[in-house]
């Protein structure tokens, strides 16, 4: 890993996690060896086992870190007071669609990258993925509920179910975009999401 890629982070645990995320986004969890990680992070082997009992424990910590940061970033938008719930939903899904225009966008989402790979490999990592995704769906469901109360979208029987369906659609579209190396699935997901929420493609 070049100096340009290696995170310039003083905290050793955080540097290991940040370096590992860069490597895993490029090649996957299974293909990343611990010796490669430690060399790239410029830390001794003992430092790794001081913070993580195993590679699996490192993977769990990495996913927990990823979803914590992602939820915090989403909260900055969803907790904004001067825009409507409808605008929050539009902006959120517009941001996801905008990844289609970012070179290498298929490497940006750790959740998408690891969901299929580790769910059968490690139950602990699968649970970290499940918990992180569920908490994020709760964030989306809360804004859908707010939008229903403000009258900007039609009432639905279960906002949590709709949020889970939309999130799953976008995860699936992200995987298709990665497989096809084409952003069409993300644009289609955006159109269908706007139709499901607002009855029209915005």
N, C-alpha and C. Protein backbone atom coordinates (compact mmCIF):
# COMPACT_ATOMS: atom_id res chain seq x y z
N UNK A 1 0.85 -1.19 0.00
CA UNK A 1 0.00 0.00 0.00
C UNK A 1 0.88 1.23 0.00
N UNK A 2 0.62 2.17 -0.87
CA UNK A 2 1.44 3.37 -0.98
C UNK A 2 1.16 4.30 0.18
N UNK A 3 2.05 5.26 0.38
CA UNK A 3 1.85 6.26 1.42
C UNK A 3 0.61 7.09 1.17
N UNK A 4 0.23 7.24 -0.11
CA UNK A 4 -0.96 8.02 -0.43
C UNK A 4 -2.23 7.30 0.03
N UNK A 5 -2.19 5.96 0.03
CA UNK A 5 -3.35 5.18 0.43
C UNK A 5 -3.35 4.93 1.93
N UNK A 6 -2.18 4.72 2.50
CA UNK A 6 -2.10 4.41 3.92
C UNK A 6 -2.65 5.57 4.75
N UNK A 7 -3.64 5.32 5.61
CA UNK A 7 -4.20 6.40 6.42
C UNK A 7 -3.17 6.95 7.39
N UNK A 8 -3.03 8.28 7.44
CA UNK A 8 -2.08 8.93 8.34
C UNK A 8 -2.77 9.12 9.70
N UNK A 9 -2.89 8.04 10.46
CA UNK A 9 -3.62 8.04 11.72
C UNK A 9 -2.69 7.59 12.83
N UNK A 10 -2.63 8.35 13.92
CA UNK A 10 -1.72 8.04 15.01
C UNK A 10 -2.22 6.90 15.89
N UNK A 11 -3.55 6.85 16.16
CA UNK A 11 -4.10 5.79 16.99
C UNK A 11 -3.93 4.44 16.28
N UNK A 12 -3.24 3.51 16.93
CA UNK A 12 -2.89 2.26 16.26
C UNK A 12 -4.11 1.44 15.88
N UNK A 13 -5.06 1.29 16.79
CA UNK A 13 -6.25 0.50 16.48
C UNK A 13 -7.00 1.08 15.28
N UNK A 14 -7.17 2.40 15.29
CA UNK A 14 -7.89 3.04 14.19
C UNK A 14 -7.11 2.92 12.89
N UNK A 15 -5.79 3.00 12.96
CA UNK A 15 -4.98 2.87 11.74
C UNK A 15 -5.11 1.47 11.16
N UNK A 16 -5.14 0.44 12.01
CA UNK A 16 -5.32 -0.93 11.52
C UNK A 16 -6.67 -1.07 10.84
N UNK A 17 -7.72 -0.53 11.48
CA UNK A 17 -9.07 -0.63 10.90
C UNK A 17 -9.17 0.12 9.59
N UNK A 18 -8.65 1.34 9.55
CA UNK A 18 -8.75 2.15 8.33
C UNK A 18 -7.96 1.52 7.19
N UNK A 19 -6.78 0.99 7.51
CA UNK A 19 -5.97 0.33 6.49
C UNK A 19 -6.67 -0.93 5.99
N UNK A 20 -7.22 -1.68 6.93
CA UNK A 20 -7.93 -2.90 6.55
C UNK A 20 -9.12 -2.60 5.65
N UNK A 21 -9.84 -1.54 5.93
CA UNK A 21 -10.98 -1.19 5.09
C UNK A 21 -10.52 -0.90 3.66
N UNK A 22 -9.43 -0.17 3.52
CA UNK A 22 -8.90 0.12 2.17
C UNK A 22 -8.55 -1.17 1.44
N UNK A 23 -7.89 -2.08 2.12
CA UNK A 23 -7.50 -3.33 1.49
C UNK A 23 -8.70 -4.20 1.14
N UNK A 24 -9.65 -4.31 2.06
CA UNK A 24 -10.81 -5.17 1.84
C UNK A 24 -11.69 -4.64 0.73
N UNK A 25 -11.86 -3.33 0.64
CA UNK A 25 -12.65 -2.77 -0.45
C UNK A 25 -12.05 -3.12 -1.80
N UNK A 26 -10.74 -3.30 -1.82
CA UNK A 26 -10.08 -3.63 -3.07
C UNK A 26 -10.11 -5.11 -3.41
N UNK A 27 -9.97 -5.98 -2.39
CA UNK A 27 -9.79 -7.40 -2.71
C UNK A 27 -10.67 -8.35 -1.92
N UNK A 28 -11.40 -7.86 -0.93
CA UNK A 28 -12.25 -8.73 -0.15
C UNK A 28 -11.61 -9.14 1.17
N UNK A 29 -12.42 -9.68 2.07
CA UNK A 29 -11.96 -10.03 3.41
C UNK A 29 -11.08 -11.28 3.38
N UNK A 30 -11.53 -12.31 2.70
CA UNK A 30 -10.80 -13.59 2.71
C UNK A 30 -9.43 -13.46 2.06
N UNK A 31 -9.34 -12.65 1.02
CA UNK A 31 -8.09 -12.54 0.28
C UNK A 31 -7.05 -11.68 0.99
N UNK A 32 -7.48 -10.91 1.97
CA UNK A 32 -6.53 -10.07 2.70
C UNK A 32 -5.86 -10.86 3.81
N UNK A 33 -4.56 -11.02 3.73
CA UNK A 33 -3.82 -11.71 4.78
C UNK A 33 -3.42 -10.75 5.89
N UNK A 34 -3.26 -11.29 7.09
CA UNK A 34 -2.88 -10.43 8.21
C UNK A 34 -1.49 -9.83 8.01
N UNK A 35 -0.58 -10.57 7.43
CA UNK A 35 0.76 -10.03 7.20
C UNK A 35 0.69 -8.84 6.25
N UNK A 36 -0.17 -8.93 5.24
CA UNK A 36 -0.36 -7.82 4.30
C UNK A 36 -0.93 -6.61 5.03
N UNK A 37 -1.92 -6.85 5.87
CA UNK A 37 -2.54 -5.76 6.62
C UNK A 37 -1.53 -5.07 7.53
N UNK A 38 -0.76 -5.87 8.28
CA UNK A 38 0.18 -5.30 9.24
C UNK A 38 1.30 -4.54 8.54
N UNK A 39 1.73 -5.06 7.41
CA UNK A 39 2.75 -4.36 6.64
C UNK A 39 2.22 -3.03 6.11
N UNK A 40 1.01 -3.05 5.60
CA UNK A 40 0.42 -1.82 5.05
C UNK A 40 0.16 -0.79 6.14
N UNK A 41 -0.23 -1.26 7.32
CA UNK A 41 -0.52 -0.34 8.42
C UNK A 41 0.75 0.06 9.18
N UNK A 42 1.84 -0.62 8.89
CA UNK A 42 3.13 -0.36 9.54
C UNK A 42 3.04 -0.55 11.05
N UNK A 43 2.47 -1.69 11.45
CA UNK A 43 2.39 -2.04 12.88
C UNK A 43 2.87 -3.48 13.07
N UNK A 44 3.43 -3.80 14.21
CA UNK A 44 3.90 -5.17 14.46
C UNK A 44 2.73 -6.11 14.75
N UNK A 45 3.00 -7.40 14.60
CA UNK A 45 1.97 -8.41 14.79
C UNK A 45 1.36 -8.35 16.19
N UNK A 46 2.19 -8.06 17.17
CA UNK A 46 1.70 -7.99 18.53
C UNK A 46 0.67 -6.90 18.73
N UNK A 47 0.79 -5.82 17.97
CA UNK A 47 -0.18 -4.73 18.08
C UNK A 47 -1.55 -5.19 17.62
N UNK A 48 -1.59 -5.99 16.56
CA UNK A 48 -2.88 -6.49 16.08
C UNK A 48 -3.58 -7.31 17.16
N UNK A 49 -2.86 -8.25 17.75
CA UNK A 49 -3.49 -9.14 18.73
C UNK A 49 -3.72 -8.44 20.08
N UNK A 50 -3.13 -7.29 20.27
CA UNK A 50 -3.47 -6.48 21.44
C UNK A 50 -4.89 -5.94 21.34
N UNK A 51 -5.30 -5.62 20.11
CA UNK A 51 -6.62 -5.01 19.90
C UNK A 51 -7.68 -6.00 19.42
N UNK A 52 -7.26 -7.05 18.72
CA UNK A 52 -8.21 -7.99 18.11
C UNK A 52 -7.78 -9.42 18.41
N UNK A 53 -8.71 -10.23 18.91
CA UNK A 53 -8.39 -11.61 19.28
C UNK A 53 -8.13 -12.48 18.05
N UNK A 54 -8.68 -12.09 16.91
CA UNK A 54 -8.56 -12.89 15.69
C UNK A 54 -8.90 -12.03 14.50
N UNK A 55 -8.70 -12.58 13.32
CA UNK A 55 -9.09 -11.87 12.10
C UNK A 55 -10.60 -11.67 12.08
N UNK A 56 -11.34 -12.66 12.57
CA UNK A 56 -12.80 -12.52 12.63
C UNK A 56 -13.20 -11.37 13.55
N UNK A 57 -12.56 -11.27 14.71
CA UNK A 57 -12.86 -10.18 15.64
C UNK A 57 -12.53 -8.83 15.00
N UNK A 58 -11.46 -8.79 14.23
CA UNK A 58 -11.13 -7.58 13.48
C UNK A 58 -12.25 -7.25 12.50
N UNK A 59 -12.76 -8.27 11.79
CA UNK A 59 -13.85 -8.05 10.84
C UNK A 59 -15.09 -7.50 11.51
N UNK A 60 -15.42 -8.03 12.68
CA UNK A 60 -16.58 -7.53 13.41
C UNK A 60 -16.38 -6.07 13.79
N UNK A 61 -15.21 -5.75 14.32
CA UNK A 61 -14.92 -4.36 14.70
C UNK A 61 -14.96 -3.44 13.49
N UNK A 62 -14.47 -3.92 12.36
CA UNK A 62 -14.47 -3.12 11.14
C UNK A 62 -15.89 -2.79 10.70
N UNK A 63 -16.77 -3.80 10.74
CA UNK A 63 -18.16 -3.58 10.34
C UNK A 63 -18.89 -2.67 11.33
N UNK A 64 -18.64 -2.86 12.61
CA UNK A 64 -19.27 -1.99 13.61
C UNK A 64 -18.83 -0.55 13.41
N UNK A 65 -17.57 -0.35 13.11
CA UNK A 65 -17.04 1.00 12.83
C UNK A 65 -17.68 1.59 11.59
N UNK A 66 -17.79 0.78 10.55
CA UNK A 66 -18.36 1.26 9.29
C UNK A 66 -19.81 1.71 9.48
N UNK A 67 -20.62 0.86 10.11
CA UNK A 67 -22.02 1.22 10.26
C UNK A 67 -22.22 2.38 11.24
N UNK A 68 -21.39 2.45 12.27
CA UNK A 68 -21.47 3.59 13.19
C UNK A 68 -21.21 4.90 12.45
N UNK A 69 -20.17 4.93 11.65
CA UNK A 69 -19.85 6.14 10.88
C UNK A 69 -20.95 6.46 9.88
N UNK A 70 -21.47 5.42 9.21
CA UNK A 70 -22.50 5.62 8.20
C UNK A 70 -23.78 6.16 8.83
N UNK A 71 -24.15 5.62 9.99
CA UNK A 71 -25.35 6.09 10.67
C UNK A 71 -25.18 7.52 11.17
N UNK A 72 -23.98 7.88 11.61
CA UNK A 72 -23.73 9.24 12.05
C UNK A 72 -23.84 10.23 10.89
N UNK A 73 -23.31 9.85 9.73
CA UNK A 73 -23.40 10.71 8.56
C UNK A 73 -24.85 10.86 8.11
N UNK A 74 -25.60 9.75 8.16
CA UNK A 74 -27.01 9.81 7.78
C UNK A 74 -27.79 10.68 8.75
N UNK A 75 -27.45 10.60 10.03
CA UNK A 75 -28.15 11.39 11.05
C UNK A 75 -27.95 12.89 10.82
N UNK A 76 -26.80 13.28 10.29
CA UNK A 76 -26.58 14.70 10.00
C UNK A 76 -27.64 15.22 9.03
N UNK A 77 -28.03 14.38 8.08
CA UNK A 77 -29.08 14.76 7.13
C UNK A 77 -30.46 14.62 7.76
N UNK A 78 -30.73 13.47 8.36
CA UNK A 78 -32.08 13.19 8.85
C UNK A 78 -32.46 14.05 10.05
N UNK A 79 -31.48 14.57 10.79
CA UNK A 79 -31.77 15.41 11.95
C UNK A 79 -31.83 16.89 11.61
N UNK A 80 -31.62 17.23 10.34
CA UNK A 80 -31.70 18.63 9.93
C UNK A 80 -33.10 19.17 10.17
N UNK A 81 -33.19 20.34 10.78
CA UNK A 81 -34.48 20.87 11.20
C UNK A 81 -35.17 21.74 10.16
N UNK A 82 -34.42 22.28 9.21
CA UNK A 82 -35.01 23.30 8.33
C UNK A 82 -35.44 22.75 6.97
N UNK A 83 -35.53 21.42 6.83
CA UNK A 83 -36.06 20.84 5.60
C UNK A 83 -37.11 19.79 5.97
N UNK A 84 -38.01 19.53 5.06
CA UNK A 84 -39.10 18.59 5.32
C UNK A 84 -38.60 17.15 5.29
N UNK A 85 -39.43 16.25 5.83
CA UNK A 85 -39.09 14.83 5.78
C UNK A 85 -39.02 14.34 4.34
N UNK A 86 -39.90 14.85 3.49
CA UNK A 86 -39.85 14.48 2.07
C UNK A 86 -38.52 14.88 1.46
N UNK A 87 -38.05 16.09 1.74
CA UNK A 87 -36.77 16.55 1.20
C UNK A 87 -35.62 15.69 1.72
N UNK A 88 -35.71 15.27 2.98
CA UNK A 88 -34.66 14.40 3.54
C UNK A 88 -34.58 13.09 2.78
N UNK A 89 -35.74 12.50 2.49
CA UNK A 89 -35.75 11.23 1.76
C UNK A 89 -35.22 11.42 0.34
N UNK A 90 -35.64 12.49 -0.31
CA UNK A 90 -35.16 12.75 -1.67
C UNK A 90 -33.65 12.94 -1.67
N UNK A 91 -33.13 13.73 -0.74
CA UNK A 91 -31.70 13.97 -0.68
C UNK A 91 -30.92 12.70 -0.36
N UNK A 92 -31.44 11.89 0.55
CA UNK A 92 -30.76 10.65 0.92
C UNK A 92 -30.61 9.73 -0.28
N UNK A 93 -31.71 9.48 -0.99
CA UNK A 93 -31.63 8.57 -2.12
C UNK A 93 -30.92 9.20 -3.31
N UNK A 94 -30.96 10.52 -3.44
CA UNK A 94 -30.17 11.19 -4.47
C UNK A 94 -28.67 10.98 -4.21
N UNK A 95 -28.29 11.03 -2.93
CA UNK A 95 -26.87 10.82 -2.60
C UNK A 95 -26.44 9.41 -2.96
N UNK A 96 -27.30 8.44 -2.70
CA UNK A 96 -26.95 7.05 -3.05
C UNK A 96 -26.83 6.91 -4.57
N UNK A 97 -27.76 7.50 -5.31
CA UNK A 97 -27.70 7.44 -6.77
C UNK A 97 -26.44 8.14 -7.29
N UNK A 98 -26.02 9.21 -6.63
CA UNK A 98 -24.86 9.97 -7.11
C UNK A 98 -23.58 9.15 -7.08
N UNK A 99 -23.56 8.07 -6.29
CA UNK A 99 -22.38 7.20 -6.28
C UNK A 99 -22.14 6.57 -7.64
N UNK A 100 -23.21 6.50 -8.45
CA UNK A 100 -23.07 5.93 -9.78
C UNK A 100 -22.12 6.73 -10.65
N UNK A 101 -21.94 8.00 -10.30
CA UNK A 101 -21.08 8.87 -11.10
C UNK A 101 -19.66 8.96 -10.55
N UNK A 102 -19.38 8.21 -9.46
CA UNK A 102 -18.06 8.24 -8.85
C UNK A 102 -17.21 7.10 -9.41
N UNK A 103 -16.04 7.39 -9.99
CA UNK A 103 -15.19 6.30 -10.49
C UNK A 103 -14.86 5.31 -9.37
N UNK A 104 -15.00 4.02 -9.66
CA UNK A 104 -14.74 3.01 -8.66
C UNK A 104 -15.80 2.94 -7.59
N UNK A 105 -17.03 3.37 -7.90
CA UNK A 105 -18.09 3.41 -6.90
C UNK A 105 -18.38 2.02 -6.33
N UNK A 106 -18.07 0.98 -7.09
CA UNK A 106 -18.32 -0.38 -6.61
C UNK A 106 -17.44 -0.75 -5.42
N UNK A 107 -16.46 0.10 -5.09
CA UNK A 107 -15.57 -0.19 -3.98
C UNK A 107 -15.86 0.68 -2.75
N UNK A 108 -16.93 1.49 -2.79
CA UNK A 108 -17.15 2.46 -1.74
C UNK A 108 -17.91 1.92 -0.54
N UNK A 109 -18.72 0.90 -0.70
CA UNK A 109 -19.61 0.45 0.36
C UNK A 109 -19.13 -0.86 0.95
N UNK A 110 -18.66 -0.81 2.18
CA UNK A 110 -18.15 -2.02 2.83
C UNK A 110 -19.27 -3.01 3.08
N UNK A 111 -20.47 -2.52 3.41
CA UNK A 111 -21.59 -3.41 3.64
C UNK A 111 -21.92 -4.24 2.42
N UNK A 112 -21.97 -3.60 1.26
CA UNK A 112 -22.24 -4.31 0.00
C UNK A 112 -21.09 -5.27 -0.30
N UNK A 113 -19.88 -4.81 -0.08
CA UNK A 113 -18.71 -5.62 -0.40
C UNK A 113 -18.69 -6.93 0.39
N UNK A 114 -19.07 -6.86 1.67
CA UNK A 114 -18.90 -8.02 2.53
C UNK A 114 -20.17 -8.84 2.75
N UNK A 115 -21.32 -8.31 2.41
CA UNK A 115 -22.58 -8.98 2.74
C UNK A 115 -22.62 -10.43 2.24
N UNK A 116 -22.32 -10.61 0.96
CA UNK A 116 -22.38 -11.96 0.40
C UNK A 116 -21.17 -12.79 0.81
N UNK A 117 -20.01 -12.14 0.94
CA UNK A 117 -18.78 -12.90 1.20
C UNK A 117 -18.75 -13.51 2.60
N UNK A 118 -19.10 -12.75 3.63
CA UNK A 118 -18.85 -13.21 4.99
C UNK A 118 -20.07 -13.78 5.70
N UNK A 119 -21.26 -13.65 5.12
CA UNK A 119 -22.46 -14.12 5.82
C UNK A 119 -22.41 -15.62 6.09
N UNK A 120 -21.81 -16.39 5.19
CA UNK A 120 -21.64 -17.83 5.41
C UNK A 120 -20.29 -18.16 6.04
N UNK A 121 -19.37 -17.21 5.99
CA UNK A 121 -18.02 -17.45 6.49
C UNK A 121 -17.93 -17.28 8.00
N UNK A 122 -18.65 -16.28 8.53
CA UNK A 122 -18.54 -15.94 9.95
C UNK A 122 -19.89 -15.50 10.48
N UNK A 123 -20.42 -16.22 11.46
CA UNK A 123 -21.70 -15.83 12.03
C UNK A 123 -21.59 -14.52 12.80
N UNK A 124 -20.44 -14.29 13.42
CA UNK A 124 -20.25 -13.04 14.17
C UNK A 124 -20.27 -11.85 13.22
N UNK A 125 -19.62 -11.96 12.07
CA UNK A 125 -19.63 -10.86 11.10
C UNK A 125 -21.00 -10.72 10.45
N UNK A 126 -21.66 -11.86 10.22
CA UNK A 126 -23.02 -11.79 9.68
C UNK A 126 -23.93 -11.02 10.63
N UNK A 127 -23.78 -11.28 11.93
CA UNK A 127 -24.61 -10.59 12.91
C UNK A 127 -24.29 -9.10 12.96
N UNK A 128 -23.02 -8.75 12.82
CA UNK A 128 -22.64 -7.33 12.78
C UNK A 128 -23.26 -6.64 11.57
N UNK A 129 -23.26 -7.32 10.43
CA UNK A 129 -23.91 -6.79 9.24
C UNK A 129 -25.41 -6.63 9.47
N UNK A 130 -26.04 -7.67 10.01
CA UNK A 130 -27.48 -7.65 10.24
C UNK A 130 -27.88 -6.52 11.18
N UNK A 131 -27.13 -6.37 12.27
CA UNK A 131 -27.43 -5.32 13.24
C UNK A 131 -27.25 -3.94 12.63
N UNK A 132 -26.14 -3.73 11.93
CA UNK A 132 -25.87 -2.43 11.32
C UNK A 132 -26.92 -2.06 10.29
N UNK A 133 -27.29 -3.02 9.45
CA UNK A 133 -28.30 -2.76 8.42
C UNK A 133 -29.67 -2.48 9.05
N UNK A 134 -30.01 -3.23 10.11
CA UNK A 134 -31.30 -3.03 10.77
C UNK A 134 -31.39 -1.64 11.40
N UNK A 135 -30.31 -1.21 12.04
CA UNK A 135 -30.31 0.11 12.65
C UNK A 135 -30.43 1.21 11.60
N UNK A 136 -29.80 1.00 10.45
CA UNK A 136 -29.91 1.99 9.39
C UNK A 136 -31.33 2.01 8.81
N UNK A 137 -31.93 0.85 8.66
CA UNK A 137 -33.32 0.80 8.19
C UNK A 137 -34.24 1.53 9.18
N UNK A 138 -33.94 1.43 10.47
CA UNK A 138 -34.73 2.16 11.47
C UNK A 138 -34.65 3.67 11.22
N UNK A 139 -33.47 4.15 10.83
CA UNK A 139 -33.33 5.57 10.52
C UNK A 139 -34.23 5.97 9.36
N UNK A 140 -34.22 5.16 8.31
CA UNK A 140 -35.04 5.46 7.14
C UNK A 140 -36.52 5.39 7.50
N UNK A 141 -36.91 4.37 8.27
CA UNK A 141 -38.31 4.20 8.66
C UNK A 141 -38.82 5.40 9.45
N UNK A 142 -37.96 5.95 10.32
CA UNK A 142 -38.37 7.10 11.12
C UNK A 142 -38.69 8.30 10.24
N UNK A 143 -37.91 8.51 9.19
CA UNK A 143 -38.15 9.65 8.30
C UNK A 143 -39.39 9.38 7.43
N UNK A 144 -39.60 8.13 7.03
CA UNK A 144 -40.83 7.79 6.30
C UNK A 144 -42.04 8.10 7.17
N UNK A 145 -41.98 7.76 8.46
CA UNK A 145 -43.08 8.05 9.37
C UNK A 145 -43.30 9.56 9.48
N UNK A 146 -42.21 10.32 9.55
CA UNK A 146 -42.33 11.78 9.60
C UNK A 146 -42.99 12.31 8.32
N UNK A 147 -42.62 11.75 7.18
CA UNK A 147 -43.19 12.19 5.91
C UNK A 147 -44.68 11.87 5.84
N UNK A 148 -45.09 10.75 6.41
CA UNK A 148 -46.52 10.42 6.45
C UNK A 148 -47.26 11.43 7.32
N UNK A 149 -46.67 11.77 8.47
CA UNK A 149 -47.33 12.72 9.37
C UNK A 149 -47.45 14.11 8.74
N UNK A 150 -46.45 14.49 7.95
CA UNK A 150 -46.53 15.82 7.32
C UNK A 150 -47.37 15.80 6.06
N UNK A 151 -47.80 14.62 5.64
CA UNK A 151 -48.68 14.50 4.48
C UNK A 151 -47.99 14.52 3.14
N UNK A 152 -46.68 14.35 3.13
CA UNK A 152 -45.96 14.42 1.86
C UNK A 152 -45.89 13.07 1.14
N UNK A 153 -46.16 11.99 1.85
CA UNK A 153 -46.31 10.69 1.20
C UNK A 153 -47.57 10.01 1.76
N UNK A 154 -48.11 9.10 0.97
CA UNK A 154 -49.35 8.42 1.38
C UNK A 154 -49.07 7.49 2.55
N UNK A 155 -50.03 7.33 3.46
CA UNK A 155 -49.85 6.42 4.59
C UNK A 155 -49.57 5.00 4.13
N UNK A 156 -48.72 4.31 4.87
CA UNK A 156 -48.45 2.90 4.63
C UNK A 156 -48.67 2.16 5.94
N UNK A 157 -49.01 0.88 5.86
CA UNK A 157 -49.33 0.12 7.07
C UNK A 157 -48.11 -0.12 7.94
N UNK A 158 -46.94 -0.20 7.32
CA UNK A 158 -45.73 -0.52 8.09
C UNK A 158 -44.53 0.22 7.51
N UNK A 159 -44.21 1.42 8.04
CA UNK A 159 -43.05 2.17 7.54
C UNK A 159 -41.74 1.39 7.63
N UNK A 160 -41.61 0.56 8.67
CA UNK A 160 -40.37 -0.22 8.83
C UNK A 160 -40.22 -1.24 7.69
N UNK A 161 -41.33 -1.84 7.30
CA UNK A 161 -41.29 -2.80 6.20
C UNK A 161 -40.93 -2.09 4.89
N UNK A 162 -41.49 -0.91 4.66
CA UNK A 162 -41.17 -0.16 3.44
C UNK A 162 -39.70 0.23 3.44
N UNK A 163 -39.20 0.69 4.59
CA UNK A 163 -37.79 1.08 4.68
C UNK A 163 -36.89 -0.11 4.38
N UNK A 164 -37.22 -1.28 4.93
CA UNK A 164 -36.42 -2.48 4.69
C UNK A 164 -36.46 -2.88 3.22
N UNK A 165 -37.64 -2.77 2.61
CA UNK A 165 -37.77 -3.10 1.20
C UNK A 165 -36.93 -2.17 0.33
N UNK A 166 -36.99 -0.87 0.60
CA UNK A 166 -36.24 0.09 -0.20
C UNK A 166 -34.74 -0.11 0.00
N UNK A 167 -34.32 -0.31 1.24
CA UNK A 167 -32.90 -0.52 1.51
C UNK A 167 -32.41 -1.78 0.81
N UNK A 168 -33.19 -2.85 0.88
CA UNK A 168 -32.82 -4.08 0.20
C UNK A 168 -32.73 -3.90 -1.30
N UNK A 169 -33.64 -3.09 -1.86
CA UNK A 169 -33.61 -2.82 -3.29
C UNK A 169 -32.31 -2.12 -3.69
N UNK A 170 -31.88 -1.18 -2.86
CA UNK A 170 -30.66 -0.44 -3.17
C UNK A 170 -29.42 -1.31 -2.97
N UNK A 171 -29.42 -2.18 -1.96
CA UNK A 171 -28.30 -3.10 -1.80
C UNK A 171 -28.20 -4.01 -3.02
N UNK A 172 -29.35 -4.54 -3.44
CA UNK A 172 -29.35 -5.38 -4.63
C UNK A 172 -28.89 -4.63 -5.87
N UNK A 173 -29.34 -3.40 -6.03
CA UNK A 173 -28.92 -2.59 -7.18
C UNK A 173 -27.43 -2.31 -7.14
N UNK A 174 -26.90 -2.11 -5.94
CA UNK A 174 -25.46 -1.86 -5.80
C UNK A 174 -24.65 -3.09 -6.21
N UNK A 175 -25.15 -4.27 -5.85
CA UNK A 175 -24.47 -5.51 -6.24
C UNK A 175 -24.52 -5.68 -7.76
N UNK A 176 -25.70 -5.41 -8.35
CA UNK A 176 -25.80 -5.51 -9.81
C UNK A 176 -24.86 -4.52 -10.50
N UNK A 177 -24.78 -3.31 -9.96
CA UNK A 177 -23.88 -2.31 -10.55
C UNK A 177 -22.43 -2.80 -10.49
N UNK A 178 -22.10 -3.47 -9.40
CA UNK A 178 -20.74 -4.00 -9.25
C UNK A 178 -20.49 -5.12 -10.25
N UNK A 179 -21.44 -6.03 -10.38
CA UNK A 179 -21.28 -7.18 -11.28
C UNK A 179 -21.22 -6.72 -12.73
N UNK A 180 -22.12 -5.80 -13.08
CA UNK A 180 -22.22 -5.36 -14.48
C UNK A 180 -21.23 -4.27 -14.84
N UNK A 181 -20.60 -3.66 -13.79
CA UNK A 181 -19.75 -2.50 -14.03
C UNK A 181 -20.53 -1.44 -14.79
N UNK A 182 -21.76 -1.26 -14.37
CA UNK A 182 -22.67 -0.33 -15.05
C UNK A 182 -23.63 0.24 -14.01
N UNK A 183 -23.91 1.53 -14.07
CA UNK A 183 -24.70 2.19 -13.04
C UNK A 183 -26.20 2.13 -13.30
N UNK A 184 -26.62 1.45 -14.35
CA UNK A 184 -28.04 1.44 -14.71
C UNK A 184 -28.94 0.96 -13.59
N UNK A 185 -28.50 -0.05 -12.82
CA UNK A 185 -29.33 -0.57 -11.74
C UNK A 185 -29.56 0.46 -10.65
N UNK A 186 -28.57 1.31 -10.38
CA UNK A 186 -28.74 2.35 -9.38
C UNK A 186 -29.73 3.41 -9.84
N UNK A 187 -29.69 3.75 -11.10
CA UNK A 187 -30.65 4.72 -11.63
C UNK A 187 -32.06 4.13 -11.62
N UNK A 188 -32.17 2.84 -11.93
CA UNK A 188 -33.48 2.18 -11.89
C UNK A 188 -34.01 2.12 -10.46
N UNK A 189 -33.14 1.84 -9.50
CA UNK A 189 -33.55 1.82 -8.10
C UNK A 189 -34.06 3.18 -7.66
N UNK A 190 -33.42 4.22 -8.14
CA UNK A 190 -33.86 5.58 -7.78
C UNK A 190 -35.25 5.85 -8.35
N UNK A 191 -35.48 5.51 -9.60
CA UNK A 191 -36.80 5.74 -10.20
C UNK A 191 -37.88 4.98 -9.44
N UNK A 192 -37.61 3.72 -9.13
CA UNK A 192 -38.61 2.90 -8.44
C UNK A 192 -38.84 3.38 -7.01
N UNK A 193 -37.80 3.87 -6.37
CA UNK A 193 -37.94 4.40 -5.01
C UNK A 193 -38.81 5.65 -5.01
N UNK A 194 -38.57 6.56 -5.93
CA UNK A 194 -39.38 7.78 -6.00
C UNK A 194 -40.84 7.42 -6.30
N UNK A 195 -41.03 6.42 -7.16
CA UNK A 195 -42.40 5.98 -7.48
C UNK A 195 -43.08 5.39 -6.24
N UNK A 196 -42.35 4.57 -5.49
CA UNK A 196 -42.92 3.93 -4.31
C UNK A 196 -43.25 4.95 -3.22
N UNK A 197 -42.41 5.95 -3.07
CA UNK A 197 -42.62 6.93 -2.00
C UNK A 197 -43.60 8.03 -2.38
N UNK A 198 -43.46 8.54 -3.59
CA UNK A 198 -44.18 9.76 -3.96
C UNK A 198 -45.12 9.60 -5.14
N UNK A 199 -45.13 8.41 -5.73
CA UNK A 199 -46.03 8.16 -6.85
C UNK A 199 -45.56 8.75 -8.15
N UNK A 200 -44.33 9.24 -8.18
CA UNK A 200 -43.79 9.83 -9.41
C UNK A 200 -42.28 9.80 -9.35
N UNK A 201 -41.63 9.80 -10.49
CA UNK A 201 -40.18 9.86 -10.56
C UNK A 201 -39.74 11.31 -10.49
N UNK A 202 -39.10 11.71 -9.40
CA UNK A 202 -38.68 13.10 -9.24
C UNK A 202 -37.40 13.37 -10.00
